[in-house]
Amino acid sequence: MANNRSAGIGFWGALALMFIGFKLTGYIDWSWWWVLAPIWGPIALALAIMLLFITWASVLDWDGER
């Protein structure tokens, strides 16, 4: 049976390294927030989606009695 383990940095890691290299060489003049967005962006998106589902589930579960 083959072992299907992935190795490497992946798309977002490669994009982050590319943006960091561009920033350090002066090719782009972006804020560091945008340069590092491929690192924190997917995490923030996942947290926002989780918060949306938690809010949606609590609204559906709420029966109006307090």
C-alpha atoms as a PDB file:
ATOM      1  CA  MET A   1       0.000   0.000   0.000  1.00  0.00           C
ATOM      2  CA  ALA A   2       1.335   3.406  -0.927  1.00  0.00           C
ATOM      3  CA  ASN A   3       1.840   6.065   1.690  1.00  0.00           C
ATOM      4  CA  ASN A   4       0.204   9.263   0.425  1.00  0.00           C
ATOM      5  CA  ARG A   5       1.923  11.862   2.564  1.00  0.00           C
ATOM      6  CA  SER A   6       2.426  15.297   1.135  1.00  0.00           C
ATOM      7  CA  ALA A   7       5.720  17.098   1.519  1.00  0.00           C
ATOM      8  CA  GLY A   8       6.515  20.693   0.789  1.00  0.00           C
ATOM      9  CA  ILE A   9       5.179  24.101   1.587  1.00  0.00           C
ATOM     10  CA  GLY A  10       2.094  24.149  -0.608  1.00  0.00           C
ATOM     11  CA  PHE A  11       0.551  26.920  -2.634  1.00  0.00           C
ATOM     12  CA  TRP A  12      -0.006  29.451   0.158  1.00  0.00           C
ATOM     13  CA  GLY A  13       3.489  28.987   1.568  1.00  0.00           C
ATOM     14  CA  ALA A  14       5.061  29.449  -1.859  1.00  0.00           C
ATOM     15  CA  LEU A  15       2.959  32.550  -2.460  1.00  0.00           C
ATOM     16  CA  ALA A  16       4.009  33.967   0.923  1.00  0.00           C
ATOM     17  CA  LEU A  17       7.692  33.339   0.164  1.00  0.00           C
ATOM     18  CA  MET A  18       7.319  34.981  -3.229  1.00  0.00           C
ATOM     19  CA  PHE A  19       5.635  38.061  -1.723  1.00  0.00           C
ATOM     20  CA  ILE A  20       8.281  38.296   1.026  1.00  0.00           C
ATOM     21  CA  GLY A  21      11.032  38.126  -1.584  1.00  0.00           C
ATOM     22  CA  PHE A  22       9.337  40.808  -3.670  1.00  0.00           C
ATOM     23  CA  LYS A  23       8.953  43.034  -0.599  1.00  0.00           C
ATOM     24  CA  LEU A  24      12.565  42.616   0.526  1.00  0.00           C
ATOM     25  CA  THR A  25      13.932  43.348  -2.947  1.00  0.00           C
ATOM     26  CA  GLY A  26      11.726  46.429  -3.329  1.00  0.00           C
ATOM     27  CA  TYR A  27       9.762  45.019  -6.268  1.00  0.00           C
ATOM     28  CA  ILE A  28       6.483  45.687  -4.435  1.00  0.00           C
ATOM     29  CA  ASP A  29       5.690  48.414  -1.932  1.00  0.00           C
ATOM     30  CA  TRP A  30       2.864  46.724  -0.068  1.00  0.00           C
ATOM     31  CA  SER A  31       2.159  46.752   3.637  1.00  0.00           C
ATOM     32  CA  TRP A  32       3.522  43.766   5.538  1.00  0.00           C
ATOM     33  CA  TRP A  33      -0.099  42.859   6.355  1.00  0.00           C
ATOM     34  CA  TRP A  34      -0.721  42.188   2.652  1.00  0.00           C
ATOM     35  CA  VAL A  35       2.641  40.546   2.093  1.00  0.00           C
ATOM     36  CA  LEU A  36       1.925  38.046   4.878  1.00  0.00           C
ATOM     37  CA  ALA A  37      -1.749  37.595   3.911  1.00  0.00           C
ATOM     38  CA  PRO A  38      -1.133  34.142   2.357  1.00  0.00           C
ATOM     39  CA  ILE A  39      -0.083  32.989   5.838  1.00  0.00           C
ATOM     40  CA  TRP A  40      -2.849  34.501   7.976  1.00  0.00           C
ATOM     41  CA  GLY A  41      -5.545  34.835   5.315  1.00  0.00           C
ATOM     42  CA  PRO A  42      -6.646  31.185   5.097  1.00  0.00           C
ATOM     43  CA  ILE A  43      -6.667  30.939   8.894  1.00  0.00           C
ATOM     44  CA  ALA A  44      -8.788  34.101   9.198  1.00  0.00           C
ATOM     45  CA  LEU A  45     -11.147  32.839   6.503  1.00  0.00           C
ATOM     46  CA  ALA A  46     -11.581  29.490   8.267  1.00  0.00           C
ATOM     47  CA  LEU A  47     -12.260  31.231  11.591  1.00  0.00           C
ATOM     48  CA  ALA A  48     -14.801  33.562   9.948  1.00  0.00           C
ATOM     49  CA  ILE A  49     -16.621  30.605   8.376  1.00  0.00           C
ATOM     50  CA  MET A  50     -16.661  28.760  11.701  1.00  0.00           C
ATOM     51  CA  LEU A  51     -18.025  31.866  13.446  1.00  0.00           C
ATOM     52  CA  LEU A  52     -20.705  32.191  10.773  1.00  0.00           C
ATOM     53  CA  PHE A  53     -21.803  28.561  11.230  1.00  0.00           C
ATOM     54  CA  ILE A  54     -21.794  28.854  15.025  1.00  0.00           C
ATOM     55  CA  THR A  55     -23.923  32.011  14.798  1.00  0.00           C
ATOM     56  CA  TRP A  56     -26.254  30.364  12.303  1.00  0.00           C
ATOM     57  CA  ALA A  57     -26.610  27.261  14.504  1.00  0.00           C
ATOM     58  CA  SER A  58     -27.366  29.338  17.605  1.00  0.00           C
ATOM     59  CA  VAL A  59     -29.996  31.384  15.774  1.00  0.00           C
ATOM     60  CA  LEU A  60     -31.694  28.191  14.564  1.00  0.00           C
ATOM     61  CA  ASP A  61     -31.524  26.668  18.059  1.00  0.00           C
ATOM     62  CA  TRP A  62     -32.873  29.757  19.800  1.00  0.00           C
ATOM     63  CA  ASP A  63     -36.514  29.272  20.767  1.00  0.00           C
ATOM     64  CA  GLY A  64     -37.231  32.807  22.029  1.00  0.00           C
ATOM     65  CA  GLU A  65     -37.555  31.921  25.716  1.00  0.00           C
ATOM     66  CA  ARG A  66     -35.239  33.507  28.211  1.00  0.00           C
END
